[in-house]
Amino acid sequence: MGSTKINTELVNLLKQGDIEAFDKIYNIYCHKLHQFVLRYLKQEEDAEEIVQEVFIKIWESRKKIDVHASFEAYLFTISYNSTISLLRKRISESKSREYLKSVQEIQKANSVIDDLQYNELNDKVQSLLQQLTPRQKEIYMLSREEGLSHKEIAARLNISENTVKNHLVTTLKFLKSNLDTGLVVNALFFYLFF
């Protein structure tokens, strides 16, 4: 009964801004609060941080304290709310980190797959080009490697534009029919050749 009276007196003094009363209350409750918070957070540093935060809040809002209500309940409610708030923040940060990590991993994986597929397709194309007639290969190289137009190729090789066009159409049909079908390959095919 006496301790409740002392607490009430201490709370009254705290309300008036008495720093010694604040220190006494801190010494009475800091260990209890630390143990209470630690049960939820599982980390010493976090628990210490919350206890400090709780006592800062108590000091800042000391004038609003109801001396007739249970000070202990008030103290533990603030501790609980601060703890839950920190846990929510950690979960949110963790989810954000995981999300960013997963996005980066997906981008990295896609980039590797794209590179692999591109290189694989390119290797196949190079191998297929060896099977073309010398004229087809020459026209293909002038068109795709040097970027010449049908007209420029025709002039350089002294053949008609129609012949150039026919050779390219035949070559591209041959390449496409000998490559695996599929959206990715088709997309890469057009990226490589058009």
N, C-alpha and C. Protein backbone atom coordinates (compact mmCIF):
# COMPACT_ATOMS: atom_id res chain seq x y z
N MET A 1 0.84 -1.21 0.00
CA MET A 1 0.00 0.00 0.00
C MET A 1 0.87 1.25 0.00
N GLY A 2 1.96 1.19 0.90
CA GLY A 2 2.88 2.31 0.98
C GLY A 2 3.56 2.61 -0.32
N SER A 3 3.98 1.52 -1.08
CA SER A 3 4.70 1.71 -2.33
C SER A 3 3.82 2.40 -3.37
N THR A 4 2.48 2.12 -3.33
CA THR A 4 1.55 2.77 -4.26
C THR A 4 1.51 4.27 -3.96
N LYS A 5 1.53 4.59 -2.64
CA LYS A 5 1.51 6.00 -2.24
C LYS A 5 2.78 6.70 -2.71
N ILE A 6 3.94 5.99 -2.53
CA ILE A 6 5.21 6.57 -2.98
C ILE A 6 5.16 6.80 -4.49
N ASN A 7 4.63 5.80 -5.20
CA ASN A 7 4.50 5.93 -6.65
C ASN A 7 3.65 7.12 -7.03
N THR A 8 2.54 7.28 -6.34
CA THR A 8 1.64 8.40 -6.63
C THR A 8 2.35 9.73 -6.35
N GLU A 9 3.08 9.76 -5.24
CA GLU A 9 3.85 10.97 -4.92
C GLU A 9 4.90 11.23 -5.99
N LEU A 10 5.60 10.15 -6.37
CA LEU A 10 6.64 10.28 -7.40
C LEU A 10 6.04 10.77 -8.72
N VAL A 11 4.87 10.21 -9.05
CA VAL A 11 4.20 10.59 -10.30
C VAL A 11 3.80 12.07 -10.25
N ASN A 12 3.32 12.50 -9.07
CA ASN A 12 2.95 13.91 -8.91
C ASN A 12 4.17 14.82 -9.10
N LEU A 13 5.28 14.40 -8.49
CA LEU A 13 6.52 15.18 -8.61
C LEU A 13 7.00 15.19 -10.08
N LEU A 14 6.91 14.01 -10.72
CA LEU A 14 7.30 13.91 -12.14
C LEU A 14 6.46 14.87 -12.96
N LYS A 15 5.18 14.88 -12.69
CA LYS A 15 4.25 15.75 -13.42
C LYS A 15 4.67 17.22 -13.32
N GLN A 16 5.25 17.56 -12.16
CA GLN A 16 5.68 18.95 -11.95
C GLN A 16 7.08 19.22 -12.53
N GLY A 17 7.70 18.17 -13.11
CA GLY A 17 9.00 18.36 -13.76
C GLY A 17 10.18 18.08 -12.85
N ASP A 18 9.95 17.32 -11.79
CA ASP A 18 11.03 16.98 -10.85
C ASP A 18 11.92 15.89 -11.46
N ILE A 19 13.16 16.24 -11.74
CA ILE A 19 14.08 15.31 -12.41
C ILE A 19 14.49 14.15 -11.51
N GLU A 20 14.55 14.41 -10.19
CA GLU A 20 14.90 13.32 -9.25
C GLU A 20 13.80 12.27 -9.22
N ALA A 21 12.56 12.71 -9.25
CA ALA A 21 11.41 11.78 -9.28
C ALA A 21 11.47 10.96 -10.57
N PHE A 22 11.82 11.63 -11.67
CA PHE A 22 11.94 10.95 -12.96
C PHE A 22 13.02 9.86 -12.88
N ASP A 23 14.18 10.21 -12.28
CA ASP A 23 15.28 9.24 -12.12
C ASP A 23 14.86 8.04 -11.28
N LYS A 24 14.12 8.32 -10.19
CA LYS A 24 13.67 7.23 -9.32
C LYS A 24 12.73 6.29 -10.09
N ILE A 25 11.79 6.88 -10.82
CA ILE A 25 10.84 6.08 -11.62
C ILE A 25 11.60 5.27 -12.65
N TYR A 26 12.59 5.91 -13.26
CA TYR A 26 13.41 5.21 -14.26
C TYR A 26 14.09 3.99 -13.62
N ASN A 27 14.70 4.20 -12.46
CA ASN A 27 15.42 3.11 -11.77
C ASN A 27 14.47 1.98 -11.33
N ILE A 28 13.25 2.34 -10.97
CA ILE A 28 12.27 1.32 -10.55
C ILE A 28 11.83 0.46 -11.74
N TYR A 29 11.62 1.12 -12.88
CA TYR A 29 10.99 0.42 -14.01
C TYR A 29 11.88 0.02 -15.19
N CYS A 30 13.07 0.59 -15.30
CA CYS A 30 13.84 0.35 -16.53
C CYS A 30 14.14 -1.13 -16.77
N HIS A 31 14.47 -1.87 -15.69
CA HIS A 31 14.79 -3.29 -15.85
C HIS A 31 13.55 -4.10 -16.25
N LYS A 32 12.42 -3.81 -15.56
CA LYS A 32 11.16 -4.50 -15.87
C LYS A 32 10.76 -4.27 -17.33
N LEU A 33 10.83 -3.00 -17.74
CA LEU A 33 10.47 -2.66 -19.13
C LEU A 33 11.40 -3.33 -20.12
N HIS A 34 12.68 -3.34 -19.80
CA HIS A 34 13.67 -3.95 -20.69
C HIS A 34 13.34 -5.43 -20.90
N GLN A 35 13.03 -6.15 -19.81
CA GLN A 35 12.69 -7.57 -19.89
C GLN A 35 11.41 -7.77 -20.72
N PHE A 36 10.45 -6.89 -20.47
CA PHE A 36 9.15 -6.96 -21.17
C PHE A 36 9.35 -6.78 -22.68
N VAL A 37 10.09 -5.76 -23.07
CA VAL A 37 10.32 -5.45 -24.50
C VAL A 37 11.18 -6.53 -25.16
N LEU A 38 12.17 -7.01 -24.42
CA LEU A 38 13.09 -8.03 -24.94
C LEU A 38 12.36 -9.32 -25.34
N ARG A 39 11.27 -9.62 -24.61
CA ARG A 39 10.48 -10.82 -24.96
C ARG A 39 9.96 -10.74 -26.39
N TYR A 40 9.63 -9.54 -26.84
CA TYR A 40 9.10 -9.36 -28.20
C TYR A 40 10.20 -9.18 -29.25
N LEU A 41 11.19 -8.37 -28.90
CA LEU A 41 12.20 -7.98 -29.91
C LEU A 41 13.38 -8.93 -30.02
N LYS A 42 13.68 -9.64 -28.93
CA LYS A 42 14.77 -10.64 -28.92
C LYS A 42 16.17 -10.05 -29.11
N GLN A 43 16.29 -8.73 -29.13
CA GLN A 43 17.61 -8.12 -29.32
C GLN A 43 17.84 -7.05 -28.25
N GLU A 44 18.97 -7.19 -27.55
CA GLU A 44 19.31 -6.27 -26.46
C GLU A 44 19.27 -4.80 -26.89
N GLU A 45 19.97 -4.51 -27.98
CA GLU A 45 20.07 -3.11 -28.43
C GLU A 45 18.71 -2.50 -28.71
N ASP A 46 17.85 -3.28 -29.38
CA ASP A 46 16.50 -2.79 -29.70
C ASP A 46 15.71 -2.54 -28.42
N ALA A 47 15.84 -3.47 -27.48
CA ALA A 47 15.11 -3.34 -26.22
C ALA A 47 15.57 -2.08 -25.47
N GLU A 48 16.88 -1.87 -25.42
CA GLU A 48 17.42 -0.67 -24.75
C GLU A 48 16.92 0.61 -25.42
N GLU A 49 16.89 0.56 -26.76
CA GLU A 49 16.43 1.73 -27.53
C GLU A 49 14.98 2.06 -27.20
N ILE A 50 14.15 1.02 -27.13
CA ILE A 50 12.72 1.22 -26.83
C ILE A 50 12.55 1.78 -25.42
N VAL A 51 13.28 1.23 -24.44
CA VAL A 51 13.17 1.71 -23.05
C VAL A 51 13.54 3.20 -22.98
N GLN A 52 14.64 3.57 -23.66
CA GLN A 52 15.03 4.99 -23.69
C GLN A 52 13.93 5.84 -24.30
N GLU A 53 13.38 5.34 -25.41
CA GLU A 53 12.31 6.07 -26.13
C GLU A 53 11.09 6.25 -25.24
N VAL A 54 10.73 5.18 -24.49
CA VAL A 54 9.56 5.23 -23.60
C VAL A 54 9.76 6.31 -22.53
N PHE A 55 10.94 6.36 -21.92
CA PHE A 55 11.17 7.34 -20.86
C PHE A 55 11.26 8.77 -21.40
N ILE A 56 11.73 8.90 -22.63
CA ILE A 56 11.72 10.23 -23.26
C ILE A 56 10.27 10.68 -23.45
N LYS A 57 9.42 9.74 -23.94
CA LYS A 57 8.00 10.07 -24.14
C LYS A 57 7.33 10.43 -22.81
N ILE A 58 7.67 9.66 -21.75
CA ILE A 58 7.10 9.93 -20.42
C ILE A 58 7.48 11.35 -19.97
N TRP A 59 8.75 11.70 -20.14
CA TRP A 59 9.21 13.03 -19.72
C TRP A 59 8.54 14.13 -20.54
N GLU A 60 8.45 13.91 -21.85
CA GLU A 60 7.88 14.93 -22.74
C GLU A 60 6.38 15.13 -22.50
N SER A 61 5.68 14.04 -22.12
CA SER A 61 4.22 14.16 -21.92
C SER A 61 3.85 14.09 -20.44
N ARG A 62 4.79 14.44 -19.55
CA ARG A 62 4.59 14.29 -18.10
C ARG A 62 3.36 15.08 -17.59
N LYS A 63 3.09 16.21 -18.21
CA LYS A 63 1.97 17.05 -17.73
C LYS A 63 0.61 16.41 -18.00
N LYS A 64 0.56 15.47 -18.96
CA LYS A 64 -0.70 14.83 -19.32
C LYS A 64 -0.96 13.56 -18.49
N ILE A 65 0.00 13.16 -17.66
CA ILE A 65 -0.15 11.92 -16.89
C ILE A 65 -1.31 12.04 -15.89
N ASP A 66 -2.14 11.00 -15.85
CA ASP A 66 -3.27 10.95 -14.91
C ASP A 66 -2.78 10.26 -13.64
N VAL A 67 -2.63 11.00 -12.57
CA VAL A 67 -2.10 10.43 -11.32
C VAL A 67 -3.04 9.43 -10.68
N HIS A 68 -4.32 9.49 -11.06
CA HIS A 68 -5.30 8.57 -10.46
C HIS A 68 -5.37 7.24 -11.22
N ALA A 69 -4.85 7.20 -12.43
CA ALA A 69 -4.82 5.94 -13.20
C ALA A 69 -3.54 5.19 -12.86
N SER A 70 -3.48 3.93 -13.25
CA SER A 70 -2.29 3.12 -12.96
C SER A 70 -1.12 3.59 -13.82
N PHE A 71 -0.10 4.12 -13.14
CA PHE A 71 1.08 4.60 -13.86
C PHE A 71 1.81 3.44 -14.54
N GLU A 72 1.83 2.32 -13.84
CA GLU A 72 2.52 1.14 -14.37
C GLU A 72 1.85 0.68 -15.68
N ALA A 73 0.53 0.63 -15.69
CA ALA A 73 -0.21 0.23 -16.90
C ALA A 73 0.09 1.21 -18.04
N TYR A 74 0.13 2.49 -17.69
CA TYR A 74 0.43 3.54 -18.67
C TYR A 74 1.83 3.32 -19.28
N LEU A 75 2.78 3.03 -18.40
CA LEU A 75 4.18 2.80 -18.81
C LEU A 75 4.30 1.59 -19.74
N PHE A 76 3.64 0.49 -19.35
CA PHE A 76 3.72 -0.74 -20.15
C PHE A 76 2.95 -0.61 -21.47
N THR A 77 1.89 0.18 -21.49
CA THR A 77 1.14 0.42 -22.73
C THR A 77 2.01 1.16 -23.74
N ILE A 78 2.70 2.20 -23.26
CA ILE A 78 3.61 2.95 -24.15
C ILE A 78 4.72 2.02 -24.65
N SER A 79 5.25 1.20 -23.75
CA SER A 79 6.32 0.26 -24.13
C SER A 79 5.83 -0.71 -25.20
N TYR A 80 4.64 -1.25 -24.97
CA TYR A 80 4.07 -2.22 -25.91
C TYR A 80 3.86 -1.57 -27.29
N ASN A 81 3.25 -0.38 -27.28
CA ASN A 81 2.98 0.32 -28.56
C ASN A 81 4.27 0.65 -29.31
N SER A 82 5.29 1.10 -28.58
CA SER A 82 6.58 1.42 -29.20
C SER A 82 7.23 0.16 -29.78
N THR A 83 7.09 -0.94 -29.05
CA THR A 83 7.65 -2.22 -29.49
C THR A 83 6.98 -2.68 -30.78
N ILE A 84 5.65 -2.66 -30.78
CA ILE A 84 4.89 -3.09 -31.97
C ILE A 84 5.22 -2.19 -33.15
N SER A 85 5.32 -0.90 -32.88
CA SER A 85 5.65 0.06 -33.94
C SER A 85 7.02 -0.27 -34.57
N LEU A 86 8.00 -0.57 -33.72
CA LEU A 86 9.34 -0.92 -34.22
C LEU A 86 9.29 -2.23 -35.01
N LEU A 87 8.53 -3.22 -34.50
CA LEU A 87 8.40 -4.50 -35.20
C LEU A 87 7.79 -4.31 -36.59
N ARG A 88 6.73 -3.47 -36.65
CA ARG A 88 6.08 -3.20 -37.95
C ARG A 88 7.06 -2.55 -38.92
N LYS A 89 7.83 -1.60 -38.38
CA LYS A 89 8.82 -0.90 -39.21
C LYS A 89 9.86 -1.88 -39.74
N ARG A 90 10.34 -2.78 -38.85
CA ARG A 90 11.35 -3.77 -39.26
C ARG A 90 10.79 -4.71 -40.33
N ILE A 91 9.54 -5.16 -40.12
CA ILE A 91 8.91 -6.07 -41.09
C ILE A 91 8.76 -5.36 -42.42
N SER A 92 8.32 -4.11 -42.38
CA SER A 92 8.15 -3.32 -43.60
C SER A 92 9.49 -3.13 -44.31
N GLU A 93 10.53 -2.78 -43.55
CA GLU A 93 11.87 -2.61 -44.14
C GLU A 93 12.37 -3.92 -44.72
N SER A 94 12.12 -5.00 -43.99
CA SER A 94 12.56 -6.33 -44.44
C SER A 94 11.85 -6.71 -45.73
N LYS A 95 10.52 -6.45 -45.78
CA LYS A 95 9.76 -6.76 -47.00
C LYS A 95 10.27 -5.92 -48.16
N SER A 96 10.52 -4.64 -47.88
CA SER A 96 11.04 -3.76 -48.94
C SER A 96 12.37 -4.26 -49.46
N ARG A 97 13.25 -4.65 -48.50
CA ARG A 97 14.57 -5.16 -48.91
C ARG A 97 14.43 -6.44 -49.72
N GLU A 98 13.55 -7.34 -49.23
CA GLU A 98 13.34 -8.62 -49.94
C GLU A 98 12.79 -8.36 -51.34
N TYR A 99 11.84 -7.40 -51.42
CA TYR A 99 11.23 -7.09 -52.71
C TYR A 99 12.28 -6.56 -53.68
N LEU A 100 13.07 -5.59 -53.20
CA LEU A 100 14.12 -5.01 -54.06
C LEU A 100 15.13 -6.07 -54.47
N LYS A 101 15.47 -6.93 -53.50
CA LYS A 101 16.42 -8.01 -53.76
C LYS A 101 15.86 -8.95 -54.84
N SER A 102 14.57 -9.30 -54.69
CA SER A 102 13.97 -10.23 -55.66
C SER A 102 13.89 -9.60 -57.03
N VAL A 103 13.55 -8.29 -57.08
CA VAL A 103 13.49 -7.59 -58.38
C VAL A 103 14.87 -7.59 -59.03
N GLN A 104 15.90 -7.29 -58.22
CA GLN A 104 17.28 -7.27 -58.76
C GLN A 104 17.69 -8.66 -59.23
N GLU A 105 17.31 -9.69 -58.45
CA GLU A 105 17.65 -11.07 -58.83
C GLU A 105 16.98 -11.44 -60.14
N ILE A 106 15.69 -11.06 -60.28
CA ILE A 106 14.95 -11.37 -61.51
C ILE A 106 15.59 -10.66 -62.69
N GLN A 107 15.92 -9.37 -62.49
CA GLN A 107 16.55 -8.61 -63.58
C GLN A 107 17.89 -9.24 -63.97
N LYS A 108 18.65 -9.63 -62.93
CA LYS A 108 19.95 -10.25 -63.17
C LYS A 108 19.77 -11.56 -63.94
N ALA A 109 18.81 -12.37 -63.48
CA ALA A 109 18.54 -13.66 -64.12
C ALA A 109 18.10 -13.46 -65.57
N ASN A 110 17.19 -12.49 -65.78
CA ASN A 110 16.72 -12.21 -67.14
C ASN A 110 17.86 -11.76 -68.03
N SER A 111 18.72 -10.93 -67.47
CA SER A 111 19.86 -10.43 -68.23
C SER A 111 20.77 -11.59 -68.64
N VAL A 112 21.03 -12.51 -67.70
CA VAL A 112 21.89 -13.67 -67.98
C VAL A 112 21.23 -14.55 -69.04
N ILE A 113 19.90 -14.79 -68.87
CA ILE A 113 19.17 -15.62 -69.84
C ILE A 113 19.21 -14.97 -71.23
N ASP A 114 18.94 -13.66 -71.26
CA ASP A 114 18.98 -12.94 -72.55
C ASP A 114 20.34 -13.07 -73.21
N ASP A 115 21.40 -12.86 -72.41
CA ASP A 115 22.76 -12.97 -72.95
C ASP A 115 23.04 -14.37 -73.47
N LEU A 116 22.64 -15.37 -72.67
CA LEU A 116 22.86 -16.76 -73.07
C LEU A 116 22.11 -17.09 -74.35
N GLN A 117 20.82 -16.68 -74.39
CA GLN A 117 20.01 -16.98 -75.57
C GLN A 117 20.53 -16.24 -76.79
N TYR A 118 20.91 -15.00 -76.57
CA TYR A 118 21.45 -14.21 -77.68
C TYR A 118 22.72 -14.87 -78.23
N ASN A 119 23.62 -15.23 -77.30
CA ASN A 119 24.89 -15.85 -77.72
C ASN A 119 24.66 -17.20 -78.39
N GLU A 120 23.72 -17.96 -77.83
CA GLU A 120 23.40 -19.27 -78.39
C GLU A 120 22.84 -19.11 -79.81
N LEU A 121 21.91 -18.16 -79.95
CA LEU A 121 21.31 -17.91 -81.27
C LEU A 121 22.36 -17.43 -82.26
N ASN A 122 23.21 -16.53 -81.79
CA ASN A 122 24.27 -15.99 -82.65
C ASN A 122 25.21 -17.10 -83.13
N ASP A 123 25.57 -18.00 -82.20
CA ASP A 123 26.44 -19.14 -82.56
C ASP A 123 25.78 -20.01 -83.61
N LYS A 124 24.48 -20.28 -83.41
CA LYS A 124 23.75 -21.11 -84.38
C LYS A 124 23.73 -20.43 -85.75
N VAL A 125 23.48 -19.12 -85.74
CA VAL A 125 23.42 -18.36 -87.00
C VAL A 125 24.77 -18.44 -87.72
N GLN A 126 25.85 -18.23 -86.96
CA GLN A 126 27.19 -18.29 -87.56
C GLN A 126 27.46 -19.66 -88.19
N SER A 127 27.00 -20.70 -87.48
CA SER A 127 27.17 -22.06 -87.98
C SER A 127 26.34 -22.27 -89.26
N LEU A 128 25.10 -21.75 -89.27
CA LEU A 128 24.22 -21.89 -90.44
C LEU A 128 24.75 -21.10 -91.63
N LEU A 129 25.38 -19.96 -91.34
CA LEU A 129 25.91 -19.12 -92.44
C LEU A 129 26.97 -19.87 -93.25
N GLN A 130 27.66 -20.79 -92.58
CA GLN A 130 28.69 -21.58 -93.28
C GLN A 130 28.07 -22.51 -94.33
N GLN A 131 26.76 -22.76 -94.18
CA GLN A 131 26.08 -23.67 -95.11
C GLN A 131 25.50 -22.94 -96.33
N LEU A 132 25.58 -21.62 -96.34
CA LEU A 132 25.06 -20.85 -97.48
C LEU A 132 26.01 -20.94 -98.68
N THR A 133 25.47 -20.61 -99.83
CA THR A 133 26.35 -20.52 -101.02
C THR A 133 27.22 -19.28 -100.83
N PRO A 134 28.39 -19.24 -101.45
CA PRO A 134 29.25 -18.05 -101.31
C PRO A 134 28.52 -16.75 -101.64
N ARG A 135 27.68 -16.76 -102.70
CA ARG A 135 26.96 -15.55 -103.10
C ARG A 135 25.95 -15.12 -102.03
N GLN A 136 25.19 -16.11 -101.49
CA GLN A 136 24.21 -15.80 -100.44
C GLN A 136 24.91 -15.21 -99.21
N LYS A 137 26.00 -15.84 -98.83
CA LYS A 137 26.75 -15.38 -97.66
C LYS A 137 27.27 -13.97 -97.88
N GLU A 138 27.80 -13.72 -99.07
CA GLU A 138 28.36 -12.40 -99.40
C GLU A 138 27.28 -11.32 -99.31
N ILE A 139 26.10 -11.60 -99.89
CA ILE A 139 25.00 -10.63 -99.88
C ILE A 139 24.50 -10.40 -98.44
N TYR A 140 24.39 -11.51 -97.72
CA TYR A 140 23.95 -11.43 -96.33
C TYR A 140 24.90 -10.54 -95.51
N MET A 141 26.21 -10.78 -95.65
CA MET A 141 27.21 -10.01 -94.89
C MET A 141 27.17 -8.53 -95.26
N LEU A 142 27.04 -8.24 -96.54
CA LEU A 142 26.98 -6.83 -96.98
C LEU A 142 25.73 -6.14 -96.41
N SER A 143 24.64 -6.90 -96.35
CA SER A 143 23.38 -6.33 -95.86
C SER A 143 23.39 -6.17 -94.34
N ARG A 144 23.77 -7.25 -93.61
CA ARG A 144 23.67 -7.23 -92.15
C ARG A 144 24.91 -6.68 -91.46
N GLU A 145 26.08 -7.01 -91.95
CA GLU A 145 27.31 -6.56 -91.28
C GLU A 145 27.67 -5.13 -91.67
N GLU A 146 27.57 -4.84 -92.96
CA GLU A 146 27.96 -3.49 -93.42
C GLU A 146 26.78 -2.54 -93.52
N GLY A 147 25.57 -3.08 -93.45
CA GLY A 147 24.37 -2.23 -93.46
C GLY A 147 24.07 -1.60 -94.81
N LEU A 148 24.50 -2.24 -95.90
CA LEU A 148 24.24 -1.68 -97.23
C LEU A 148 22.80 -1.95 -97.66
N SER A 149 22.26 -1.03 -98.48
CA SER A 149 20.91 -1.22 -99.01
C SER A 149 20.95 -2.20 -100.18
N HIS A 150 19.78 -2.67 -100.58
CA HIS A 150 19.69 -3.58 -101.74
C HIS A 150 20.35 -2.94 -102.97
N LYS A 151 20.10 -1.68 -103.15
CA LYS A 151 20.63 -0.94 -104.33
C LYS A 151 22.15 -0.90 -104.29
N GLU A 152 22.71 -0.62 -103.09
CA GLU A 152 24.18 -0.53 -102.94
C GLU A 152 24.85 -1.89 -103.16
N ILE A 153 24.20 -2.94 -102.66
CA ILE A 153 24.75 -4.29 -102.85
C ILE A 153 24.72 -4.65 -104.34
N ALA A 154 23.60 -4.35 -104.98
CA ALA A 154 23.45 -4.65 -106.42
C ALA A 154 24.54 -3.95 -107.22
N ALA A 155 24.80 -2.68 -106.88
CA ALA A 155 25.82 -1.91 -107.60
C ALA A 155 27.21 -2.49 -107.35
N ARG A 156 27.49 -2.86 -106.09
CA ARG A 156 28.82 -3.38 -105.75
C ARG A 156 29.08 -4.74 -106.42
N LEU A 157 28.04 -5.59 -106.46
CA LEU A 157 28.24 -6.95 -107.00
C LEU A 157 27.85 -7.05 -108.49
N ASN A 158 27.38 -5.92 -109.03
CA ASN A 158 27.01 -5.87 -110.44
C ASN A 158 25.90 -6.89 -110.76
N ILE A 159 24.89 -6.91 -109.88
CA ILE A 159 23.71 -7.75 -110.10
C ILE A 159 22.47 -6.90 -109.88
N SER A 160 21.28 -7.42 -110.21
CA SER A 160 20.05 -6.63 -110.06
C SER A 160 19.62 -6.58 -108.59
N GLU A 161 18.85 -5.55 -108.27
CA GLU A 161 18.32 -5.41 -106.89
C GLU A 161 17.42 -6.58 -106.56
N ASN A 162 16.68 -7.06 -107.58
CA ASN A 162 15.78 -8.18 -107.40
C ASN A 162 16.54 -9.44 -106.96
N THR A 163 17.70 -9.65 -107.55
CA THR A 163 18.54 -10.80 -107.20
C THR A 163 18.99 -10.69 -105.75
N VAL A 164 19.38 -9.48 -105.36
CA VAL A 164 19.81 -9.23 -103.96
C VAL A 164 18.66 -9.58 -103.01
N LYS A 165 17.48 -9.05 -103.34
CA LYS A 165 16.30 -9.28 -102.49
C LYS A 165 15.99 -10.76 -102.39
N ASN A 166 16.00 -11.47 -103.52
CA ASN A 166 15.69 -12.91 -103.54
C ASN A 166 16.69 -13.70 -102.69
N HIS A 167 17.98 -13.36 -102.82
CA HIS A 167 19.01 -14.05 -102.03
C HIS A 167 18.79 -13.84 -100.53
N LEU A 168 18.46 -12.60 -100.14
CA LEU A 168 18.24 -12.30 -98.72
C LEU A 168 17.01 -13.02 -98.17
N VAL A 169 15.92 -13.01 -98.95
CA VAL A 169 14.69 -13.69 -98.53
C VAL A 169 14.97 -15.18 -98.33
N THR A 170 15.67 -15.79 -99.30
CA THR A 170 16.02 -17.22 -99.22
C THR A 170 16.89 -17.49 -98.00
N THR A 171 17.90 -16.64 -97.78
CA THR A 171 18.81 -16.81 -96.64
C THR A 171 18.07 -16.72 -95.32
N LEU A 172 17.23 -15.69 -95.17
CA LEU A 172 16.50 -15.52 -93.91
C LEU A 172 15.51 -16.66 -93.66
N LYS A 173 14.87 -17.14 -94.72
CA LYS A 173 13.96 -18.30 -94.59
C LYS A 173 14.74 -19.52 -94.11
N PHE A 174 15.90 -19.72 -94.71
CA PHE A 174 16.75 -20.85 -94.35
C PHE A 174 17.18 -20.77 -92.89
N LEU A 175 17.61 -19.58 -92.48
CA LEU A 175 18.05 -19.39 -91.08
C LEU A 175 16.90 -19.63 -90.12
N LYS A 176 15.75 -19.01 -90.41
CA LYS A 176 14.61 -19.11 -89.49
C LYS A 176 14.11 -20.55 -89.39
N SER A 177 14.07 -21.27 -90.50
CA SER A 177 13.56 -22.65 -90.46
C SER A 177 14.52 -23.59 -89.73
N ASN A 178 15.80 -23.20 -89.61
CA ASN A 178 16.77 -24.04 -88.92
C ASN A 178 17.04 -23.64 -87.47
N LEU A 179 16.35 -22.60 -87.03
CA LEU A 179 16.49 -22.19 -85.64
C LEU A 179 15.27 -22.65 -84.86
N ASP A 180 15.44 -22.85 -83.53
CA ASP A 180 14.30 -23.26 -82.71
C ASP A 180 13.24 -22.17 -82.76
N THR A 181 11.99 -22.59 -82.82
CA THR A 181 10.92 -21.59 -82.80
C THR A 181 10.61 -21.23 -81.35
N GLY A 182 9.90 -20.20 -81.18
CA GLY A 182 9.54 -19.74 -79.82
C GLY A 182 9.60 -18.23 -79.81
N LEU A 183 8.81 -17.64 -78.91
CA LEU A 183 8.71 -16.18 -78.87
C LEU A 183 10.05 -15.51 -78.64
N VAL A 184 10.83 -16.05 -77.70
CA VAL A 184 12.12 -15.42 -77.37
C VAL A 184 13.05 -15.48 -78.56
N VAL A 185 13.13 -16.68 -79.17
CA VAL A 185 14.02 -16.85 -80.33
C VAL A 185 13.56 -15.95 -81.47
N ASN A 186 12.24 -15.89 -81.71
CA ASN A 186 11.72 -15.03 -82.77
C ASN A 186 12.06 -13.57 -82.50
N ALA A 187 11.88 -13.16 -81.23
CA ALA A 187 12.19 -11.77 -80.88
C ALA A 187 13.67 -11.50 -81.11
N LEU A 188 14.52 -12.42 -80.67
CA LEU A 188 15.97 -12.24 -80.85
C LEU A 188 16.32 -12.30 -82.34
N PHE A 189 15.62 -13.15 -83.05
CA PHE A 189 15.89 -13.28 -84.50
C PHE A 189 15.66 -11.94 -85.19
N PHE A 190 14.51 -11.33 -84.89
CA PHE A 190 14.21 -10.05 -85.51
C PHE A 190 15.14 -8.95 -85.02
N TYR A 191 15.54 -9.08 -83.74
CA TYR A 191 16.51 -8.10 -83.18
C TYR A 191 17.83 -8.20 -83.94
N LEU A 192 18.22 -9.43 -84.25
CA LEU A 192 19.50 -9.64 -84.95
C LEU A 192 19.45 -9.25 -86.42
N PHE A 193 18.30 -9.47 -87.04
CA PHE A 193 18.31 -9.38 -88.51
C PHE A 193 17.48 -8.28 -89.13
N PHE A 194 16.67 -7.57 -88.34
CA PHE A 194 15.83 -6.56 -89.00
C PHE A 194 16.05 -5.18 -88.46
